[in-house]
Amino acid sequence: MTTSSTIFSVSGMSCGHCVSAVTRAVQQVDAGASVKVDLDKQTVAVTSGASTDAVKAAIEQAGYPVKAFA
């Protein structure tokens, strides 16, 4: 499986619970994913073997709108 790194711009994150919820959501798609949430910048950096669309969908299903990604 090929891994890729993506930075998602995610709104609505403000606390440790948000960090945990987003991390759990991404790791349900790929248990080996590396997830780094920056509350100040409202970004989520993900290195994963899962598709970008699958990670985006997981974050949004957790209740956090993804505004953009690169």
PDB file of N, CA and C in Angstrom:
ATOM      1  N   MET A   1       0.844  -1.170   0.000  1.00  0.00           N
ATOM      2  CA  MET A   1       0.000   0.000   0.000  1.00  0.00           C
ATOM      3  C   MET A   1       0.895   1.241   0.000  1.00  0.00           C
ATOM      4  N   THR A   2       0.627   2.160  -0.887  1.00  0.00           N
ATOM      5  CA  THR A   2       1.370   3.400  -0.974  1.00  0.00           C
ATOM      6  C   THR A   2       0.802   4.405   0.010  1.00  0.00           C
ATOM      7  N   THR A   3       1.678   5.107   0.719  1.00  0.00           N
ATOM      8  CA  THR A   3       1.208   6.124   1.653  1.00  0.00           C
ATOM      9  C   THR A   3       1.398   7.502   1.036  1.00  0.00           C
ATOM     10  N   SER A   4       0.547   8.424   1.454  1.00  0.00           N
ATOM     11  CA  SER A   4       0.678   9.811   1.030  1.00  0.00           C
ATOM     12  C   SER A   4       0.352  10.706   2.211  1.00  0.00           C
ATOM     13  N   SER A   5       0.876  11.936   2.143  1.00  0.00           N
ATOM     14  CA  SER A   5       0.630  12.918   3.196  1.00  0.00           C
ATOM     15  C   SER A   5      -0.268  14.017   2.650  1.00  0.00           C
ATOM     16  N   THR A   6      -1.262  14.385   3.439  1.00  0.00           N
ATOM     17  CA  THR A   6      -2.219  15.419   3.050  1.00  0.00           C
ATOM     18  C   THR A   6      -2.507  16.294   4.255  1.00  0.00           C
ATOM     19  N   ILE A   7      -2.621  17.596   4.016  1.00  0.00           N
ATOM     20  CA  ILE A   7      -3.017  18.524   5.073  1.00  0.00           C
ATOM     21  C   ILE A   7      -4.428  19.007   4.756  1.00  0.00           C
ATOM     22  N   PHE A   8      -5.342  18.741   5.689  1.00  0.00           N
ATOM     23  CA  PHE A   8      -6.739  19.127   5.535  1.00  0.00           C
ATOM     24  C   PHE A   8      -7.005  20.387   6.350  1.00  0.00           C
ATOM     25  N   SER A   9      -7.755  21.335   5.775  1.00  0.00           N
ATOM     26  CA  SER A   9      -8.230  22.504   6.513  1.00  0.00           C
ATOM     27  C   SER A   9      -9.604  22.136   7.051  1.00  0.00           C
ATOM     28  N   VAL A  10      -9.707  22.070   8.386  1.00  0.00           N
ATOM     29  CA  VAL A  10     -10.915  21.549   9.022  1.00  0.00           C
ATOM     30  C   VAL A  10     -11.461  22.580  10.007  1.00  0.00           C
ATOM     31  N   SER A  11     -12.743  22.891   9.904  1.00  0.00           N
ATOM     32  CA  SER A  11     -13.316  23.872  10.827  1.00  0.00           C
ATOM     33  C   SER A  11     -14.039  23.176  11.975  1.00  0.00           C
ATOM     34  N   GLY A  12     -14.202  23.930  13.067  1.00  0.00           N
ATOM     35  CA  GLY A  12     -14.985  23.437  14.192  1.00  0.00           C
ATOM     36  C   GLY A  12     -14.214  22.712  15.272  1.00  0.00           C
ATOM     37  N   MET A  13     -12.890  22.598  15.138  1.00  0.00           N
ATOM     38  CA  MET A  13     -12.100  21.911  16.152  1.00  0.00           C
ATOM     39  C   MET A  13     -11.622  22.937  17.184  1.00  0.00           C
ATOM     40  N   SER A  14     -11.818  22.623  18.485  1.00  0.00           N
ATOM     41  CA  SER A  14     -11.431  23.611  19.493  1.00  0.00           C
ATOM     42  C   SER A  14     -10.854  23.026  20.778  1.00  0.00           C
ATOM     43  N   CYS A  15     -10.810  21.693  20.912  1.00  0.00           N
ATOM     44  CA  CYS A  15     -10.383  21.133  22.194  1.00  0.00           C
ATOM     45  C   CYS A  15      -9.797  19.731  22.012  1.00  0.00           C
ATOM     46  N   GLY A  16      -9.370  19.170  23.121  1.00  0.00           N
ATOM     47  CA  GLY A  16      -8.796  17.836  23.105  1.00  0.00           C
ATOM     48  C   GLY A  16      -9.764  16.769  22.614  1.00  0.00           C
ATOM     49  N   HIS A  17     -11.050  16.948  22.932  1.00  0.00           N
ATOM     50  CA  HIS A  17     -12.049  15.988  22.449  1.00  0.00           C
ATOM     51  C   HIS A  17     -12.087  15.997  20.923  1.00  0.00           C
ATOM     52  N   CYS A  18     -11.990  17.179  20.333  1.00  0.00           N
ATOM     53  CA  CYS A  18     -11.994  17.290  18.873  1.00  0.00           C
ATOM     54  C   CYS A  18     -10.790  16.560  18.278  1.00  0.00           C
ATOM     55  N   VAL A  19      -9.630  16.742  18.904  1.00  0.00           N
ATOM     56  CA  VAL A  19      -8.413  16.067  18.454  1.00  0.00           C
ATOM     57  C   VAL A  19      -8.617  14.552  18.489  1.00  0.00           C
ATOM     58  N   SER A  20      -9.144  14.048  19.594  1.00  0.00           N
ATOM     59  CA  SER A  20      -9.382  12.610  19.735  1.00  0.00           C
ATOM     60  C   SER A  20     -10.393  12.101  18.716  1.00  0.00           C
ATOM     61  N   ALA A  21     -11.478  12.844  18.518  1.00  0.00           N
ATOM     62  CA  ALA A  21     -12.531  12.411  17.590  1.00  0.00           C
ATOM     63  C   ALA A  21     -12.012  12.335  16.159  1.00  0.00           C
ATOM     64  N   VAL A  22     -11.245  13.347  15.743  1.00  0.00           N
ATOM     65  CA  VAL A  22     -10.710  13.354  14.379  1.00  0.00           C
ATOM     66  C   VAL A  22      -9.670  12.242  14.221  1.00  0.00           C
ATOM     67  N   THR A  23      -8.816  12.077  15.209  1.00  0.00           N
ATOM     68  CA  THR A  23      -7.790  11.030  15.144  1.00  0.00           C
ATOM     69  C   THR A  23      -8.432   9.651  15.054  1.00  0.00           C
ATOM     70  N   ARG A  24      -9.429   9.398  15.908  1.00  0.00           N
ATOM     71  CA  ARG A  24     -10.133   8.101  15.868  1.00  0.00           C
ATOM     72  C   ARG A  24     -10.809   7.874  14.519  1.00  0.00           C
ATOM     73  N   ALA A  25     -11.433   8.914  13.978  1.00  0.00           N
ATOM     74  CA  ALA A  25     -12.139   8.779  12.700  1.00  0.00           C
ATOM     75  C   ALA A  25     -11.178   8.389  11.586  1.00  0.00           C
ATOM     76  N   VAL A  26     -10.028   9.048  11.532  1.00  0.00           N
ATOM     77  CA  VAL A  26      -9.045   8.739  10.481  1.00  0.00           C
ATOM     78  C   VAL A  26      -8.481   7.342  10.698  1.00  0.00           C
ATOM     79  N   GLN A  27      -8.202   6.979  11.944  1.00  0.00           N
ATOM     80  CA  GLN A  27      -7.607   5.668  12.204  1.00  0.00           C
ATOM     81  C   GLN A  27      -8.601   4.518  12.040  1.00  0.00           C
ATOM     82  N   GLN A  28      -9.881   4.819  11.955  1.00  0.00           N
ATOM     83  CA  GLN A  28     -10.849   3.772  11.609  1.00  0.00           C
ATOM     84  C   GLN A  28     -10.751   3.422  10.126  1.00  0.00           C
ATOM     85  N   VAL A  29     -10.327   4.391   9.325  1.00  0.00           N
ATOM     86  CA  VAL A  29     -10.133   4.152   7.896  1.00  0.00           C
ATOM     87  C   VAL A  29      -8.794   3.456   7.652  1.00  0.00           C
ATOM     88  N   ASP A  30      -7.754   3.884   8.400  1.00  0.00           N
ATOM     89  CA  ASP A  30      -6.417   3.300   8.292  1.00  0.00           C
ATOM     90  C   ASP A  30      -5.798   3.298   9.690  1.00  0.00           C
ATOM     91  N   ALA A  31      -5.768   2.136  10.313  1.00  0.00           N
ATOM     92  CA  ALA A  31      -5.291   2.023  11.690  1.00  0.00           C
ATOM     93  C   ALA A  31      -3.841   2.476  11.850  1.00  0.00           C
ATOM     94  N   GLY A  32      -3.067   2.429  10.788  1.00  0.00           N
ATOM     95  CA  GLY A  32      -1.666   2.824  10.861  1.00  0.00           C
ATOM     96  C   GLY A  32      -1.411   4.265  10.475  1.00  0.00           C
ATOM     97  N   ALA A  33      -2.469   5.031  10.276  1.00  0.00           N
ATOM     98  CA  ALA A  33      -2.315   6.422   9.837  1.00  0.00           C
ATOM     99  C   ALA A  33      -1.660   7.273  10.914  1.00  0.00           C
ATOM    100  N   SER A  34      -0.834   8.207  10.474  1.00  0.00           N
ATOM    101  CA  SER A  34      -0.268   9.224  11.358  1.00  0.00           C
ATOM    102  C   SER A  34      -1.170  10.455  11.247  1.00  0.00           C
ATOM    103  N   VAL A  35      -1.659  10.948  12.390  1.00  0.00           N
ATOM    104  CA  VAL A  35      -2.591  12.073  12.402  1.00  0.00           C
ATOM    105  C   VAL A  35      -2.052  13.141  13.343  1.00  0.00           C
ATOM    106  N   LYS A  36      -1.888  14.360  12.835  1.00  0.00           N
ATOM    107  CA  LYS A  36      -1.425  15.483  13.658  1.00  0.00           C
ATOM    108  C   LYS A  36      -2.417  16.627  13.497  1.00  0.00           C
ATOM    109  N   VAL A  37      -3.098  16.951  14.591  1.00  0.00           N
ATOM    110  CA  VAL A  37      -4.105  18.008  14.580  1.00  0.00           C
ATOM    111  C   VAL A  37      -3.504  19.282  15.161  1.00  0.00           C
ATOM    112  N   ASP A  38      -3.674  20.407  14.462  1.00  0.00           N
ATOM    113  CA  ASP A  38      -3.235  21.713  14.950  1.00  0.00           C
ATOM    114  C   ASP A  38      -4.483  22.559  15.163  1.00  0.00           C
ATOM    115  N   LEU A  39      -4.884  22.719  16.425  1.00  0.00           N
ATOM    116  CA  LEU A  39      -6.102  23.470  16.733  1.00  0.00           C
ATOM    117  C   LEU A  39      -5.974  24.939  16.362  1.00  0.00           C
ATOM    118  N   ASP A  40      -4.791  25.535  16.551  1.00  0.00           N
ATOM    119  CA  ASP A  40      -4.602  26.954  16.239  1.00  0.00           C
ATOM    120  C   ASP A  40      -4.771  27.227  14.744  1.00  0.00           C
ATOM    121  N   LYS A  41      -4.207  26.364  13.921  1.00  0.00           N
ATOM    122  CA  LYS A  41      -4.280  26.548  12.467  1.00  0.00           C
ATOM    123  C   LYS A  41      -5.513  25.899  11.851  1.00  0.00           C
ATOM    124  N   GLN A  42      -6.236  25.101  12.664  1.00  0.00           N
ATOM    125  CA  GLN A  42      -7.403  24.376  12.176  1.00  0.00           C
ATOM    126  C   GLN A  42      -7.039  23.444  11.008  1.00  0.00           C
ATOM    127  N   THR A  43      -5.928  22.704  11.196  1.00  0.00           N
ATOM    128  CA  THR A  43      -5.488  21.759  10.182  1.00  0.00           C
ATOM    129  C   THR A  43      -5.315  20.369  10.767  1.00  0.00           C
ATOM    130  N   VAL A  44      -5.407  19.391   9.880  1.00  0.00           N
ATOM    131  CA  VAL A  44      -5.152  17.995  10.230  1.00  0.00           C
ATOM    132  C   VAL A  44      -4.190  17.450   9.183  1.00  0.00           C
ATOM    133  N   ALA A  45      -2.988  17.069   9.615  1.00  0.00           N
ATOM    134  CA  ALA A  45      -1.999  16.482   8.723  1.00  0.00           C
ATOM    135  C   ALA A  45      -2.095  14.964   8.856  1.00  0.00           C
ATOM    136  N   VAL A  46      -2.294  14.302   7.734  1.00  0.00           N
ATOM    137  CA  VAL A  46      -2.488  12.850   7.735  1.00  0.00           C
ATOM    138  C   VAL A  46      -1.510  12.194   6.772  1.00  0.00           C
ATOM    139  N   THR A  47      -0.824  11.186   7.256  1.00  0.00           N
ATOM    140  CA  THR A  47      -0.024  10.318   6.402  1.00  0.00           C
ATOM    141  C   THR A  47      -0.686   8.948   6.485  1.00  0.00           C
ATOM    142  N   SER A  48      -1.153   8.481   5.329  1.00  0.00           N
ATOM    143  CA  SER A  48      -1.985   7.282   5.333  1.00  0.00           C
ATOM    144  C   SER A  48      -1.917   6.560   4.000  1.00  0.00           C
ATOM    145  N   GLY A  49      -2.253   5.295   4.055  1.00  0.00           N
ATOM    146  CA  GLY A  49      -2.386   4.504   2.842  1.00  0.00           C
ATOM    147  C   GLY A  49      -3.792   4.581   2.266  1.00  0.00           C
ATOM    148  N   ALA A  50      -4.710   5.148   3.024  1.00  0.00           N
ATOM    149  CA  ALA A  50      -6.098   5.292   2.554  1.00  0.00           C
ATOM    150  C   ALA A  50      -6.189   6.460   1.569  1.00  0.00           C
ATOM    151  N   SER A  51      -7.207   6.440   0.746  1.00  0.00           N
ATOM    152  CA  SER A  51      -7.387   7.518  -0.224  1.00  0.00           C
ATOM    153  C   SER A  51      -7.733   8.829   0.485  1.00  0.00           C
ATOM    154  N   THR A  52      -7.372   9.926  -0.144  1.00  0.00           N
ATOM    155  CA  THR A  52      -7.687  11.248   0.402  1.00  0.00           C
ATOM    156  C   THR A  52      -9.190  11.402   0.583  1.00  0.00           C
ATOM    157  N   ASP A  53      -9.964  10.904  -0.369  1.00  0.00           N
ATOM    158  CA  ASP A  53     -11.427  11.001  -0.273  1.00  0.00           C
ATOM    159  C   ASP A  53     -11.962  10.232   0.929  1.00  0.00           C
ATOM    160  N   ALA A  54     -11.378   9.066   1.204  1.00  0.00           N
ATOM    161  CA  ALA A  54     -11.829   8.262   2.343  1.00  0.00           C
ATOM    162  C   ALA A  54     -11.509   8.961   3.662  1.00  0.00           C
ATOM    163  N   VAL A  55     -10.332   9.573   3.754  1.00  0.00           N
ATOM    164  CA  VAL A  55      -9.955  10.296   4.972  1.00  0.00           C
ATOM    165  C   VAL A  55     -10.851  11.517   5.143  1.00  0.00           C
ATOM    166  N   LYS A  56     -11.069  12.265   4.067  1.00  0.00           N
ATOM    167  CA  LYS A  56     -11.948  13.443   4.114  1.00  0.00           C
ATOM    168  C   LYS A  56     -13.344  13.044   4.592  1.00  0.00           C
ATOM    169  N   ALA A  57     -13.876  11.974   4.042  1.00  0.00           N
ATOM    170  CA  ALA A  57     -15.213  11.504   4.428  1.00  0.00           C
ATOM    171  C   ALA A  57     -15.250  11.114   5.903  1.00  0.00           C
ATOM    172  N   ALA A  58     -14.203  10.481   6.403  1.00  0.00           N
ATOM    173  CA  ALA A  58     -14.163  10.073   7.810  1.00  0.00           C
ATOM    174  C   ALA A  58     -14.173  11.288   8.733  1.00  0.00           C
ATOM    175  N   ILE A  59     -13.388  12.310   8.383  1.00  0.00           N
ATOM    176  CA  ILE A  59     -13.356  13.535   9.193  1.00  0.00           C
ATOM    177  C   ILE A  59     -14.727  14.198   9.194  1.00  0.00           C
ATOM    178  N   GLU A  60     -15.350  14.266   8.033  1.00  0.00           N
ATOM    179  CA  GLU A  60     -16.669  14.900   7.938  1.00  0.00           C
ATOM    180  C   GLU A  60     -17.740  14.093   8.664  1.00  0.00           C
ATOM    181  N   GLN A  61     -17.658  12.763   8.614  1.00  0.00           N
ATOM    182  CA  GLN A  61     -18.623  11.930   9.333  1.00  0.00           C
ATOM    183  C   GLN A  61     -18.486  12.082  10.841  1.00  0.00           C
ATOM    184  N   ALA A  62     -17.291  12.489  11.295  1.00  0.00           N
ATOM    185  CA  ALA A  62     -17.073  12.734  12.711  1.00  0.00           C
ATOM    186  C   ALA A  62     -17.663  14.093  13.136  1.00  0.00           C
ATOM    187  N   GLY A  63     -18.130  14.866  12.145  1.00  0.00           N
ATOM    188  CA  GLY A  63     -18.788  16.138  12.450  1.00  0.00           C
ATOM    189  C   GLY A  63     -17.945  17.376  12.218  1.00  0.00           C
ATOM    190  N   TYR A  64     -16.854  17.238  11.492  1.00  0.00           N
ATOM    191  CA  TYR A  64     -15.956  18.367  11.262  1.00  0.00           C
ATOM    192  C   TYR A  64     -15.845  18.641   9.756  1.00  0.00           C
ATOM    193  N   PRO A  65     -16.379  19.781   9.292  1.00  0.00           N
ATOM    194  CA  PRO A  65     -16.335  20.089   7.858  1.00  0.00           C
ATOM    195  C   PRO A  65     -14.908  20.310   7.350  1.00  0.00           C
ATOM    196  N   VAL A  66     -14.584  19.644   6.251  1.00  0.00           N
ATOM    197  CA  VAL A  66     -13.297  19.848   5.599  1.00  0.00           C
ATOM    198  C   VAL A  66     -13.480  20.935   4.549  1.00  0.00           C
ATOM    199  N   LYS A  67     -12.737  22.047   4.718  1.00  0.00           N
ATOM    200  CA  LYS A  67     -12.872  23.180   3.805  1.00  0.00           C
ATOM    201  C   LYS A  67     -11.968  23.029   2.585  1.00  0.00           C
ATOM    202  N   ALA A  68     -10.807  22.433   2.760  1.00  0.00           N
ATOM    203  CA  ALA A  68      -9.853  22.284   1.668  1.00  0.00           C
ATOM    204  C   ALA A  68      -8.795  21.270   2.076  1.00  0.00           C
ATOM    205  N   PHE A  69      -8.020  20.816   1.107  1.00  0.00           N
ATOM    206  CA  PHE A  69      -6.898  19.947   1.421  1.00  0.00           C
ATOM    207  C   PHE A  69      -5.848  20.071   0.336  1.00  0.00           C
ATOM    208  N   ALA A  70      -4.608  19.774   0.704  1.00  0.00           N
ATOM    209  CA  ALA A  70      -3.499  19.844  -0.254  1.00  0.00           C
ATOM    210  C   ALA A  70      -2.504  18.746   0.035  1.00  0.00           C
TER     211      ALA A  70
END
